[in-house]
Amino acid sequence: MYCSNSSEYPKNDIPKTKLTTIAVLSPQEEKDFIVRKISMQVDGSMPNHTNEIQHQQYVLSGEAKVVVGEEVYHAKQGDFIYIPAGVNHYYETCYGVGYEFLCMITTGKDTIKMI
């Protein structure tokens, strides 16, 4: 068991993104799922890509354009986003504010493919 504040985890830049960091909140020995905290600054972005595993995301703060497949969302605080495995998606903080969300994934093998 554990209880930690997310601010205690190191933030790392995510390759091929702009003004975007990630903090992995789950311990390495976690066997079922991983929780990651993604922080995007104003004018930040994450390029179009696919993952082999599905994502479940909860928006903590801010707003962003989130494109999942052909759907375009104006995501904001309190929104929940589901991204199926293999579906392309990308993010842009184009509303003048940053964007922060939790991204929950399984511990299964994942391969990221840039589009």
PDB file of N, CA and C in Angstrom:
ATOM      1  N   MET A   1       0.847  -1.181   0.000  1.00  0.00           N
ATOM      2  CA  MET A   1       0.000   0.000   0.000  1.00  0.00           C
ATOM      3  C   MET A   1       0.884   1.232   0.000  1.00  0.00           C
ATOM      4  N   TYR A   2       0.351   2.299  -0.529  1.00  0.00           N
ATOM      5  CA  TYR A   2       1.095   3.543  -0.556  1.00  0.00           C
ATOM      6  C   TYR A   2       0.127   4.719  -0.684  1.00  0.00           C
ATOM      7  N   CYS A   3       0.593   5.865  -0.260  1.00  0.00           N
ATOM      8  CA  CYS A   3      -0.141   7.116  -0.403  1.00  0.00           C
ATOM      9  C   CYS A   3       0.916   8.197  -0.586  1.00  0.00           C
ATOM     10  N   SER A   4       0.943   8.816  -1.742  1.00  0.00           N
ATOM     11  CA  SER A   4       1.945   9.822  -2.053  1.00  0.00           C
ATOM     12  C   SER A   4       1.287  10.983  -2.776  1.00  0.00           C
ATOM     13  N   ASN A   5       1.882  12.162  -2.660  1.00  0.00           N
ATOM     14  CA  ASN A   5       1.400  13.321  -3.383  1.00  0.00           C
ATOM     15  C   ASN A   5       2.037  13.332  -4.766  1.00  0.00           C
ATOM     16  N   SER A   6       1.259  13.611  -5.797  1.00  0.00           N
ATOM     17  CA  SER A   6       1.785  13.565  -7.161  1.00  0.00           C
ATOM     18  C   SER A   6       2.900  14.581  -7.401  1.00  0.00           C
ATOM     19  N   SER A   7       2.979  15.624  -6.598  1.00  0.00           N
ATOM     20  CA  SER A   7       4.040  16.619  -6.767  1.00  0.00           C
ATOM     21  C   SER A   7       5.408  16.074  -6.356  1.00  0.00           C
ATOM     22  N   GLU A   8       5.435  14.939  -5.662  1.00  0.00           N
ATOM     23  CA  GLU A   8       6.691  14.334  -5.208  1.00  0.00           C
ATOM     24  C   GLU A   8       7.383  13.516  -6.300  1.00  0.00           C
ATOM     25  N   TYR A   9       6.718  13.261  -7.417  1.00  0.00           N
ATOM     26  CA  TYR A   9       7.276  12.428  -8.477  1.00  0.00           C
ATOM     27  C   TYR A   9       8.011  13.291  -9.497  1.00  0.00           C
ATOM     28  N   PRO A  10       9.124  12.799 -10.021  1.00  0.00           N
ATOM     29  CA  PRO A  10       9.860  13.590 -11.024  1.00  0.00           C
ATOM     30  C   PRO A  10       9.080  13.723 -12.321  1.00  0.00           C
ATOM     31  N   LYS A  11       9.178  14.908 -12.921  1.00  0.00           N
ATOM     32  CA  LYS A  11       8.573  15.164 -14.224  1.00  0.00           C
ATOM     33  C   LYS A  11       9.662  15.062 -15.276  1.00  0.00           C
ATOM     34  N   ASN A  12       9.360  14.372 -16.358  1.00  0.00           N
ATOM     35  CA  ASN A  12      10.308  14.214 -17.453  1.00  0.00           C
ATOM     36  C   ASN A  12       9.676  14.704 -18.747  1.00  0.00           C
ATOM     37  N   ASP A  13      10.490  15.306 -19.605  1.00  0.00           N
ATOM     38  CA  ASP A  13      10.002  15.708 -20.919  1.00  0.00           C
ATOM     39  C   ASP A  13       9.620  14.465 -21.713  1.00  0.00           C
ATOM     40  N   ILE A  14       8.588  14.586 -22.534  1.00  0.00           N
ATOM     41  CA  ILE A  14       8.168  13.486 -23.392  1.00  0.00           C
ATOM     42  C   ILE A  14       8.770  13.731 -24.780  1.00  0.00           C
ATOM     43  N   PRO A  15       9.530  12.783 -25.313  1.00  0.00           N
ATOM     44  CA  PRO A  15      10.126  12.975 -26.639  1.00  0.00           C
ATOM     45  C   PRO A  15       9.077  13.294 -27.706  1.00  0.00           C
ATOM     46  N   LYS A  16       9.442  14.151 -28.643  1.00  0.00           N
ATOM     47  CA  LYS A  16       8.631  14.539 -29.803  1.00  0.00           C
ATOM     48  C   LYS A  16       7.412  15.369 -29.445  1.00  0.00           C
ATOM     49  N   THR A  17       7.304  15.825 -28.187  1.00  0.00           N
ATOM     50  CA  THR A  17       6.214  16.715 -27.801  1.00  0.00           C
ATOM     51  C   THR A  17       6.770  18.124 -27.651  1.00  0.00           C
ATOM     52  N   LYS A  18       5.868  19.065 -27.450  1.00  0.00           N
ATOM     53  CA  LYS A  18       6.258  20.455 -27.229  1.00  0.00           C
ATOM     54  C   LYS A  18       5.694  20.895 -25.882  1.00  0.00           C
ATOM     55  N   LEU A  19       6.568  21.352 -24.986  1.00  0.00           N
ATOM     56  CA  LEU A  19       6.167  21.897 -23.682  1.00  0.00           C
ATOM     57  C   LEU A  19       5.291  20.924 -22.891  1.00  0.00           C
ATOM     58  N   THR A  20       5.672  19.651 -22.896  1.00  0.00           N
ATOM     59  CA  THR A  20       4.870  18.600 -22.265  1.00  0.00           C
ATOM     60  C   THR A  20       5.755  17.700 -21.414  1.00  0.00           C
ATOM     61  N   THR A  21       5.299  17.416 -20.172  1.00  0.00           N
ATOM     62  CA  THR A  21       6.041  16.537 -19.273  1.00  0.00           C
ATOM     63  C   THR A  21       5.154  15.406 -18.779  1.00  0.00           C
ATOM     64  N   ILE A  22       5.814  14.373 -18.257  1.00  0.00           N
ATOM     65  CA  ILE A  22       5.112  13.216 -17.712  1.00  0.00           C
ATOM     66  C   ILE A  22       5.709  12.860 -16.358  1.00  0.00           C
ATOM     67  N   ALA A  23       4.850  12.472 -15.431  1.00  0.00           N
ATOM     68  CA  ALA A  23       5.267  11.922 -14.140  1.00  0.00           C
ATOM     69  C   ALA A  23       4.551  10.586 -13.986  1.00  0.00           C
ATOM     70  N   VAL A  24       5.301   9.507 -13.810  1.00  0.00           N
ATOM     71  CA  VAL A  24       4.703   8.185 -13.616  1.00  0.00           C
ATOM     72  C   VAL A  24       4.420   8.035 -12.128  1.00  0.00           C
ATOM     73  N   LEU A  25       3.137   7.921 -11.774  1.00  0.00           N
ATOM     74  CA  LEU A  25       2.722   7.914 -10.366  1.00  0.00           C
ATOM     75  C   LEU A  25       2.661   6.522  -9.756  1.00  0.00           C
ATOM     76  N   SER A  26       2.587   5.494 -10.570  1.00  0.00           N
ATOM     77  CA  SER A  26       2.502   4.126 -10.062  1.00  0.00           C
ATOM     78  C   SER A  26       3.898   3.584  -9.771  1.00  0.00           C
ATOM     79  N   PRO A  27       4.043   2.800  -8.702  1.00  0.00           N
ATOM     80  CA  PRO A  27       5.356   2.198  -8.430  1.00  0.00           C
ATOM     81  C   PRO A  27       5.747   1.201  -9.523  1.00  0.00           C
ATOM     82  N   GLN A  28       7.035   1.009  -9.716  1.00  0.00           N
ATOM     83  CA  GLN A  28       7.519   0.108 -10.772  1.00  0.00           C
ATOM     84  C   GLN A  28       7.022  -1.314 -10.600  1.00  0.00           C
ATOM     85  N   GLU A  29       6.775  -1.733  -9.377  1.00  0.00           N
ATOM     86  CA  GLU A  29       6.336  -3.109  -9.149  1.00  0.00           C
ATOM     87  C   GLU A  29       4.836  -3.316  -9.387  1.00  0.00           C
ATOM     88  N   GLU A  30       4.120  -2.259  -9.784  1.00  0.00           N
ATOM     89  CA  GLU A  30       2.687  -2.374 -10.072  1.00  0.00           C
ATOM     90  C   GLU A  30       2.480  -3.420 -11.161  1.00  0.00           C
ATOM     91  N   LYS A  31       1.542  -4.339 -10.948  1.00  0.00           N
ATOM     92  CA  LYS A  31       1.328  -5.446 -11.866  1.00  0.00           C
ATOM     93  C   LYS A  31       0.110  -5.283 -12.772  1.00  0.00           C
ATOM     94  N   ASP A  32      -0.812  -4.384 -12.439  1.00  0.00           N
ATOM     95  CA  ASP A  32      -2.068  -4.303 -13.181  1.00  0.00           C
ATOM     96  C   ASP A  32      -2.203  -3.075 -14.076  1.00  0.00           C
ATOM     97  N   PHE A  33      -1.911  -1.889 -13.548  1.00  0.00           N
ATOM     98  CA  PHE A  33      -2.090  -0.681 -14.338  1.00  0.00           C
ATOM     99  C   PHE A  33      -1.100   0.386 -13.905  1.00  0.00           C
ATOM    100  N   ILE A  34      -0.945   1.394 -14.772  1.00  0.00           N
ATOM    101  CA  ILE A  34      -0.027   2.495 -14.526  1.00  0.00           C
ATOM    102  C   ILE A  34      -0.802   3.798 -14.640  1.00  0.00           C
ATOM    103  N   VAL A  35      -0.568   4.694 -13.694  1.00  0.00           N
ATOM    104  CA  VAL A  35      -1.168   6.018 -13.737  1.00  0.00           C
ATOM    105  C   VAL A  35      -0.055   7.025 -14.019  1.00  0.00           C
ATOM    106  N   ARG A  36      -0.291   7.850 -15.038  1.00  0.00           N
ATOM    107  CA  ARG A  36       0.680   8.866 -15.417  1.00  0.00           C
ATOM    108  C   ARG A  36      -0.004  10.228 -15.371  1.00  0.00           C
ATOM    109  N   LYS A  37       0.752  11.239 -14.945  1.00  0.00           N
ATOM    110  CA  LYS A  37       0.240  12.603 -14.919  1.00  0.00           C
ATOM    111  C   LYS A  37       0.957  13.382 -16.022  1.00  0.00           C
ATOM    112  N   ILE A  38       0.176  13.836 -17.006  1.00  0.00           N
ATOM    113  CA  ILE A  38       0.716  14.564 -18.144  1.00  0.00           C
ATOM    114  C   ILE A  38       0.401  16.050 -17.955  1.00  0.00           C
ATOM    115  N   SER A  39       1.431  16.891 -18.090  1.00  0.00           N
ATOM    116  CA  SER A  39       1.263  18.342 -17.956  1.00  0.00           C
ATOM    117  C   SER A  39       1.722  19.017 -19.240  1.00  0.00           C
ATOM    118  N   MET A  40       0.821  19.806 -19.813  1.00  0.00           N
ATOM    119  CA  MET A  40       1.125  20.543 -21.041  1.00  0.00           C
ATOM    120  C   MET A  40       1.003  22.030 -20.750  1.00  0.00           C
ATOM    121  N   GLN A  41       2.029  22.784 -21.105  1.00  0.00           N
ATOM    122  CA  GLN A  41       1.990  24.231 -20.933  1.00  0.00           C
ATOM    123  C   GLN A  41       1.197  24.869 -22.074  1.00  0.00           C
ATOM    124  N   VAL A  42       0.918  26.172 -21.936  1.00  0.00           N
ATOM    125  CA  VAL A  42       0.281  26.918 -23.016  1.00  0.00           C
ATOM    126  C   VAL A  42       1.123  26.736 -24.276  1.00  0.00           C
ATOM    127  N   ASP A  43       0.481  26.507 -25.397  1.00  0.00           N
ATOM    128  CA  ASP A  43       1.113  26.255 -26.691  1.00  0.00           C
ATOM    129  C   ASP A  43       1.839  24.908 -26.748  1.00  0.00           C
ATOM    130  N   GLY A  44       1.546  24.011 -25.822  1.00  0.00           N
ATOM    131  CA  GLY A  44       2.118  22.671 -25.835  1.00  0.00           C
ATOM    132  C   GLY A  44       1.359  21.772 -26.793  1.00  0.00           C
ATOM    133  N   SER A  45       2.010  20.675 -27.168  1.00  0.00           N
ATOM    134  CA  SER A  45       1.344  19.733 -28.062  1.00  0.00           C
ATOM    135  C   SER A  45       1.985  18.353 -27.956  1.00  0.00           C
ATOM    136  N   MET A  46       1.217  17.364 -28.368  1.00  0.00           N
ATOM    137  CA  MET A  46       1.684  15.986 -28.481  1.00  0.00           C
ATOM    138  C   MET A  46       1.271  15.524 -29.871  1.00  0.00           C
ATOM    139  N   PRO A  47       2.219  15.055 -30.700  1.00  0.00           N
ATOM    140  CA  PRO A  47       1.897  14.737 -32.095  1.00  0.00           C
ATOM    141  C   PRO A  47       0.969  13.531 -32.243  1.00  0.00           C
ATOM    142  N   ASN A  48       0.399  13.427 -33.425  1.00  0.00           N
ATOM    143  CA  ASN A  48      -0.514  12.342 -33.758  1.00  0.00           C
ATOM    144  C   ASN A  48       0.225  11.002 -33.687  1.00  0.00           C
ATOM    145  N   HIS A  49      -0.361  10.056 -32.937  1.00  0.00           N
ATOM    146  CA  HIS A  49       0.275   8.756 -32.729  1.00  0.00           C
ATOM    147  C   HIS A  49      -0.771   7.710 -32.366  1.00  0.00           C
ATOM    148  N   THR A  50      -0.351   6.462 -32.381  1.00  0.00           N
ATOM    149  CA  THR A  50      -1.192   5.356 -31.908  1.00  0.00           C
ATOM    150  C   THR A  50      -0.447   4.590 -30.825  1.00  0.00           C
ATOM    151  N   ASN A  51      -1.206   3.885 -30.004  1.00  0.00           N
ATOM    152  CA  ASN A  51      -0.670   2.984 -28.984  1.00  0.00           C
ATOM    153  C   ASN A  51      -1.328   1.625 -29.151  1.00  0.00           C
ATOM    154  N   GLU A  52      -0.623   0.577 -28.782  1.00  0.00           N
ATOM    155  CA  GLU A  52      -1.194  -0.775 -28.861  1.00  0.00           C
ATOM    156  C   GLU A  52      -2.150  -1.073 -27.715  1.00  0.00           C
ATOM    157  N   ILE A  53      -2.149  -0.238 -26.695  1.00  0.00           N
ATOM    158  CA  ILE A  53      -3.048  -0.450 -25.558  1.00  0.00           C
ATOM    159  C   ILE A  53      -4.005   0.732 -25.428  1.00  0.00           C
ATOM    160  N   GLN A  54      -5.168   0.488 -24.827  1.00  0.00           N
ATOM    161  CA  GLN A  54      -6.142   1.545 -24.638  1.00  0.00           C
ATOM    162  C   GLN A  54      -5.717   2.478 -23.500  1.00  0.00           C
ATOM    163  N   HIS A  55      -6.293   3.689 -23.516  1.00  0.00           N
ATOM    164  CA  HIS A  55      -6.032   4.694 -22.485  1.00  0.00           C
ATOM    165  C   HIS A  55      -7.360   5.116 -21.862  1.00  0.00           C
ATOM    166  N   GLN A  56      -7.314   5.434 -20.601  1.00  0.00           N
ATOM    167  CA  GLN A  56      -8.419   6.115 -19.945  1.00  0.00           C
ATOM    168  C   GLN A  56      -7.819   7.370 -19.335  1.00  0.00           C
ATOM    169  N   GLN A  57      -8.421   8.517 -19.623  1.00  0.00           N
ATOM    170  CA  GLN A  57      -7.846   9.784 -19.183  1.00  0.00           C
ATOM    171  C   GLN A  57      -8.879  10.619 -18.447  1.00  0.00           C
ATOM    172  N   TYR A  58      -8.396  11.300 -17.400  1.00  0.00           N
ATOM    173  CA  TYR A  58      -9.239  12.207 -16.617  1.00  0.00           C
ATOM    174  C   TYR A  58      -8.553  13.558 -16.576  1.00  0.00           C
ATOM    175  N   VAL A  59      -9.262  14.611 -17.009  1.00  0.00           N
ATOM    176  CA  VAL A  59      -8.686  15.950 -17.077  1.00  0.00           C
ATOM    177  C   VAL A  59      -8.730  16.607 -15.697  1.00  0.00           C
ATOM    178  N   LEU A  60      -7.545  16.955 -15.179  1.00  0.00           N
ATOM    179  CA  LEU A  60      -7.421  17.603 -13.884  1.00  0.00           C
ATOM    180  C   LEU A  60      -7.629  19.106 -13.956  1.00  0.00           C
ATOM    181  N   SER A  61      -7.070  19.732 -15.011  1.00  0.00           N
ATOM    182  CA  SER A  61      -7.187  21.189 -15.133  1.00  0.00           C
ATOM    183  C   SER A  61      -6.915  21.622 -16.567  1.00  0.00           C
ATOM    184  N   GLY A  62      -7.347  22.842 -16.875  1.00  0.00           N
ATOM    185  CA  GLY A  62      -7.077  23.447 -18.168  1.00  0.00           C
ATOM    186  C   GLY A  62      -7.996  22.967 -19.272  1.00  0.00           C
ATOM    187  N   GLU A  63      -7.560  23.257 -20.507  1.00  0.00           N
ATOM    188  CA  GLU A  63      -8.333  22.911 -21.700  1.00  0.00           C
ATOM    189  C   GLU A  63      -7.380  22.550 -22.821  1.00  0.00           C
ATOM    190  N   ALA A  64      -7.817  21.684 -23.709  1.00  0.00           N
ATOM    191  CA  ALA A  64      -7.016  21.323 -24.877  1.00  0.00           C
ATOM    192  C   ALA A  64      -7.918  20.787 -25.982  1.00  0.00           C
ATOM    193  N   LYS A  65      -7.414  20.887 -27.181  1.00  0.00           N
ATOM    194  CA  LYS A  65      -8.031  20.211 -28.327  1.00  0.00           C
ATOM    195  C   LYS A  65      -7.458  18.802 -28.312  1.00  0.00           C
ATOM    196  N   VAL A  66      -8.331  17.822 -28.207  1.00  0.00           N
ATOM    197  CA  VAL A  66      -7.915  16.418 -28.202  1.00  0.00           C
ATOM    198  C   VAL A  66      -8.625  15.749 -29.377  1.00  0.00           C
ATOM    199  N   VAL A  67      -7.838  15.211 -30.279  1.00  0.00           N
ATOM    200  CA  VAL A  67      -8.398  14.553 -31.457  1.00  0.00           C
ATOM    201  C   VAL A  67      -8.164  13.058 -31.316  1.00  0.00           C
ATOM    202  N   VAL A  68      -9.256  12.281 -31.342  1.00  0.00           N
ATOM    203  CA  VAL A  68      -9.211  10.828 -31.222  1.00  0.00           C
ATOM    204  C   VAL A  68      -9.875  10.264 -32.469  1.00  0.00           C
ATOM    205  N   GLY A  69      -9.062   9.656 -33.332  1.00  0.00           N
ATOM    206  CA  GLY A  69      -9.594   9.194 -34.601  1.00  0.00           C
ATOM    207  C   GLY A  69     -10.095  10.381 -35.399  1.00  0.00           C
ATOM    208  N   GLU A  70     -11.374  10.383 -35.754  1.00  0.00           N
ATOM    209  CA  GLU A  70     -11.984  11.489 -36.508  1.00  0.00           C
ATOM    210  C   GLU A  70     -12.712  12.480 -35.601  1.00  0.00           C
ATOM    211  N   GLU A  71     -12.783  12.172 -34.298  1.00  0.00           N
ATOM    212  CA  GLU A  71     -13.519  13.023 -33.361  1.00  0.00           C
ATOM    213  C   GLU A  71     -12.611  14.100 -32.777  1.00  0.00           C
ATOM    214  N   VAL A  72     -13.106  15.350 -32.736  1.00  0.00           N
ATOM    215  CA  VAL A  72     -12.377  16.470 -32.148  1.00  0.00           C
ATOM    216  C   VAL A  72     -13.109  16.890 -30.881  1.00  0.00           C
ATOM    217  N   TYR A  73     -12.380  16.928 -29.771  1.00  0.00           N
ATOM    218  CA  TYR A  73     -12.961  17.292 -28.484  1.00  0.00           C
ATOM    219  C   TYR A  73     -12.310  18.551 -27.934  1.00  0.00           C
ATOM    220  N   HIS A  74     -13.110  19.406 -27.321  1.00  0.00           N
ATOM    221  CA  HIS A  74     -12.606  20.534 -26.541  1.00  0.00           C
ATOM    222  C   HIS A  74     -12.631  20.034 -25.093  1.00  0.00           C
ATOM    223  N   ALA A  75     -11.544  19.374 -24.708  1.00  0.00           N
ATOM    224  CA  ALA A  75     -11.484  18.732 -23.389  1.00  0.00           C
ATOM    225  C   ALA A  75     -11.174  19.765 -22.316  1.00  0.00           C
ATOM    226  N   LYS A  76     -11.817  19.600 -21.153  1.00  0.00           N
ATOM    227  CA  LYS A  76     -11.616  20.534 -20.040  1.00  0.00           C
ATOM    228  C   LYS A  76     -11.762  19.811 -18.708  1.00  0.00           C
ATOM    229  N   GLN A  77     -11.449  20.526 -17.648  1.00  0.00           N
ATOM    230  CA  GLN A  77     -11.457  19.962 -16.299  1.00  0.00           C
ATOM    231  C   GLN A  77     -12.722  19.142 -16.040  1.00  0.00           C
ATOM    232  N   GLY A  78     -12.505  17.928 -15.517  1.00  0.00           N
ATOM    233  CA  GLY A  78     -13.608  17.044 -15.183  1.00  0.00           C
ATOM    234  C   GLY A  78     -13.994  16.069 -16.287  1.00  0.00           C
ATOM    235  N   ASP A  79     -13.497  16.278 -17.498  1.00  0.00           N
ATOM    236  CA  ASP A  79     -13.835  15.378 -18.601  1.00  0.00           C
ATOM    237  C   ASP A  79     -13.089  14.051 -18.472  1.00  0.00           C
ATOM    238  N   PHE A  80     -13.720  13.007 -18.975  1.00  0.00           N
ATOM    239  CA  PHE A  80     -13.135  11.665 -19.029  1.00  0.00           C
ATOM    240  C   PHE A  80     -13.060  11.271 -20.489  1.00  0.00           C
ATOM    241  N   ILE A  81     -11.892  10.812 -20.923  1.00  0.00           N
ATOM    242  CA  ILE A  81     -11.675  10.461 -22.320  1.00  0.00           C
ATOM    243  C   ILE A  81     -11.217   9.011 -22.403  1.00  0.00           C
ATOM    244  N   TYR A  82     -11.831   8.250 -23.285  1.00  0.00           N
ATOM    245  CA  TYR A  82     -11.402   6.874 -23.534  1.00  0.00           C
ATOM    246  C   TYR A  82     -10.813   6.820 -24.937  1.00  0.00           C
ATOM    247  N   ILE A  83      -9.605   6.269 -25.056  1.00  0.00           N
ATOM    248  CA  ILE A  83      -8.936   6.123 -26.349  1.00  0.00           C
ATOM    249  C   ILE A  83      -8.704   4.634 -26.596  1.00  0.00           C
ATOM    250  N   PRO A  84      -9.406   4.040 -27.551  1.00  0.00           N
ATOM    251  CA  PRO A  84      -9.227   2.616 -27.821  1.00  0.00           C
ATOM    252  C   PRO A  84      -7.823   2.309 -28.346  1.00  0.00           C
ATOM    253  N   ALA A  85      -7.391   1.090 -28.172  1.00  0.00           N
ATOM    254  CA  ALA A  85      -6.098   0.642 -28.688  1.00  0.00           C
ATOM    255  C   ALA A  85      -6.068   0.812 -30.202  1.00  0.00           C
ATOM    256  N   GLY A  86      -4.935   1.281 -30.717  1.00  0.00           N
ATOM    257  CA  GLY A  86      -4.740   1.397 -32.149  1.00  0.00           C
ATOM    258  C   GLY A  86      -5.362   2.606 -32.821  1.00  0.00           C
ATOM    259  N   VAL A  87      -6.059   3.457 -32.062  1.00  0.00           N
ATOM    260  CA  VAL A  87      -6.700   4.637 -32.652  1.00  0.00           C
ATOM    261  C   VAL A  87      -5.757   5.835 -32.521  1.00  0.00           C
ATOM    262  N   ASN A  88      -5.555   6.539 -33.651  1.00  0.00           N
ATOM    263  CA  ASN A  88      -4.662   7.694 -33.603  1.00  0.00           C
ATOM    264  C   ASN A  88      -5.266   8.817 -32.748  1.00  0.00           C
ATOM    265  N   HIS A  89      -4.372   9.587 -32.081  1.00  0.00           N
ATOM    266  CA  HIS A  89      -4.812  10.691 -31.228  1.00  0.00           C
ATOM    267  C   HIS A  89      -3.685  11.701 -31.046  1.00  0.00           C
ATOM    268  N   TYR A  90      -4.087  12.964 -30.810  1.00  0.00           N
ATOM    269  CA  TYR A  90      -3.115  14.009 -30.517  1.00  0.00           C
ATOM    270  C   TYR A  90      -3.753  15.108 -29.680  1.00  0.00           C
ATOM    271  N   TYR A  91      -2.894  15.991 -29.158  1.00  0.00           N
ATOM    272  CA  TYR A  91      -3.310  17.029 -28.214  1.00  0.00           C
ATOM    273  C   TYR A  91      -2.685  18.363 -28.593  1.00  0.00           C
ATOM    274  N   GLU A  92      -3.444  19.445 -28.399  1.00  0.00           N
ATOM    275  CA  GLU A  92      -2.938  20.801 -28.584  1.00  0.00           C
ATOM    276  C   GLU A  92      -3.545  21.704 -27.515  1.00  0.00           C
ATOM    277  N   THR A  93      -2.702  22.465 -26.818  1.00  0.00           N
ATOM    278  CA  THR A  93      -3.226  23.439 -25.856  1.00  0.00           C
ATOM    279  C   THR A  93      -3.387  24.768 -26.592  1.00  0.00           C
ATOM    280  N   CYS A  94      -4.486  24.896 -27.292  1.00  0.00           N
ATOM    281  CA  CYS A  94      -4.720  26.039 -28.183  1.00  0.00           C
ATOM    282  C   CYS A  94      -5.771  27.016 -27.644  1.00  0.00           C
ATOM    283  N   TYR A  95      -6.110  26.918 -26.351  1.00  0.00           N
ATOM    284  CA  TYR A  95      -7.142  27.783 -25.788  1.00  0.00           C
ATOM    285  C   TYR A  95      -6.574  28.808 -24.810  1.00  0.00           C
ATOM    286  N   GLY A  96      -5.242  29.012 -24.829  1.00  0.00           N
ATOM    287  CA  GLY A  96      -4.628  30.037 -23.982  1.00  0.00           C
ATOM    288  C   GLY A  96      -4.362  29.620 -22.551  1.00  0.00           C
ATOM    289  N   VAL A  97      -4.552  28.333 -22.250  1.00  0.00           N
ATOM    290  CA  VAL A  97      -4.269  27.802 -20.902  1.00  0.00           C
ATOM    291  C   VAL A  97      -3.540  26.470 -21.041  1.00  0.00           C
ATOM    292  N   GLY A  98      -2.909  26.030 -19.958  1.00  0.00           N
ATOM    293  CA  GLY A  98      -2.270  24.720 -19.950  1.00  0.00           C
ATOM    294  C   GLY A  98      -3.311  23.622 -19.828  1.00  0.00           C
ATOM    295  N   TYR A  99      -2.830  22.391 -19.743  1.00  0.00           N
ATOM    296  CA  TYR A  99      -3.719  21.229 -19.703  1.00  0.00           C
ATOM    297  C   TYR A  99      -3.012  20.138 -18.910  1.00  0.00           C
ATOM    298  N   GLU A 100      -3.713  19.575 -17.944  1.00  0.00           N
ATOM    299  CA  GLU A 100      -3.114  18.517 -17.125  1.00  0.00           C
ATOM    300  C   GLU A 100      -4.126  17.396 -16.960  1.00  0.00           C
ATOM    301  N   PHE A 101      -3.653  16.151 -17.168  1.00  0.00           N
ATOM    302  CA  PHE A 101      -4.582  15.033 -17.061  1.00  0.00           C
ATOM    303  C   PHE A 101      -3.874  13.791 -16.538  1.00  0.00           C
ATOM    304  N   LEU A 102      -4.667  12.900 -15.970  1.00  0.00           N
ATOM    305  CA  LEU A 102      -4.186  11.582 -15.582  1.00  0.00           C
ATOM    306  C   LEU A 102      -4.457  10.639 -16.731  1.00  0.00           C
ATOM    307  N   CYS A 103      -3.493   9.791 -17.035  1.00  0.00           N
ATOM    308  CA  CYS A 103      -3.626   8.812 -18.110  1.00  0.00           C
ATOM    309  C   CYS A 103      -3.390   7.432 -17.498  1.00  0.00           C
ATOM    310  N   MET A 104      -4.409   6.596 -17.513  1.00  0.00           N
ATOM    311  CA  MET A 104      -4.335   5.261 -16.937  1.00  0.00           C
ATOM    312  C   MET A 104      -4.239   4.232 -18.058  1.00  0.00           C
ATOM    313  N   ILE A 105      -3.225   3.364 -17.945  1.00  0.00           N
ATOM    314  CA  ILE A 105      -3.009   2.320 -18.938  1.00  0.00           C
ATOM    315  C   ILE A 105      -2.751   0.999 -18.224  1.00  0.00           C
ATOM    316  N   THR A 106      -2.871  -0.096 -18.949  1.00  0.00           N
ATOM    317  CA  THR A 106      -2.517  -1.389 -18.371  1.00  0.00           C
ATOM    318  C   THR A 106      -1.001  -1.544 -18.406  1.00  0.00           C
ATOM    319  N   THR A 107      -0.494  -2.529 -17.706  1.00  0.00           N
ATOM    320  CA  THR A 107       0.953  -2.776 -17.700  1.00  0.00           C
ATOM    321  C   THR A 107       1.393  -3.631 -18.882  1.00  0.00           C
ATOM    322  N   GLY A 108       0.489  -3.908 -19.795  1.00  0.00           N
ATOM    323  CA  GLY A 108       0.827  -4.692 -20.979  1.00  0.00           C
ATOM    324  C   GLY A 108       1.816  -3.972 -21.880  1.00  0.00           C
ATOM    325  N   LYS A 109       2.450  -4.708 -22.762  1.00  0.00           N
ATOM    326  CA  LYS A 109       3.423  -4.139 -23.686  1.00  0.00           C
ATOM    327  C   LYS A 109       2.739  -3.118 -24.596  1.00  0.00           C
ATOM    328  N   ASP A 110       3.375  -1.978 -24.761  1.00  0.00           N
ATOM    329  CA  ASP A 110       2.834  -0.930 -25.610  1.00  0.00           C
ATOM    330  C   ASP A 110       3.884  -0.504 -26.633  1.00  0.00           C
ATOM    331  N   THR A 111       3.444  -0.270 -27.842  1.00  0.00           N
ATOM    332  CA  THR A 111       4.296   0.282 -28.882  1.00  0.00           C
ATOM    333  C   THR A 111       3.639   1.538 -29.393  1.00  0.00           C
ATOM    334  N   ILE A 112       4.378   2.636 -29.413  1.00  0.00           N
ATOM    335  CA  ILE A 112       3.882   3.905 -29.902  1.00  0.00           C
ATOM    336  C   ILE A 112       4.336   4.085 -31.340  1.00  0.00           C
ATOM    337  N   LYS A 113       3.390   4.422 -32.224  1.00  0.00           N
ATOM    338  CA  LYS A 113       3.720   4.670 -33.632  1.00  0.00           C
ATOM    339  C   LYS A 113       3.307   6.100 -33.964  1.00  0.00           C
ATOM    340  N   MET A 114       4.256   6.887 -34.451  1.00  0.00           N
ATOM    341  CA  MET A 114       3.976   8.258 -34.857  1.00  0.00           C
ATOM    342  C   MET A 114       3.288   8.238 -36.218  1.00  0.00           C
ATOM    343  N   ILE A 115       2.313   9.114 -36.399  1.00  0.00           N
ATOM    344  CA  ILE A 115       1.561   9.211 -37.653  1.00  0.00           C
ATOM    345  C   ILE A 115       2.091  10.400 -38.447  1.00  0.00           C
TER     346      ILE A 115
END
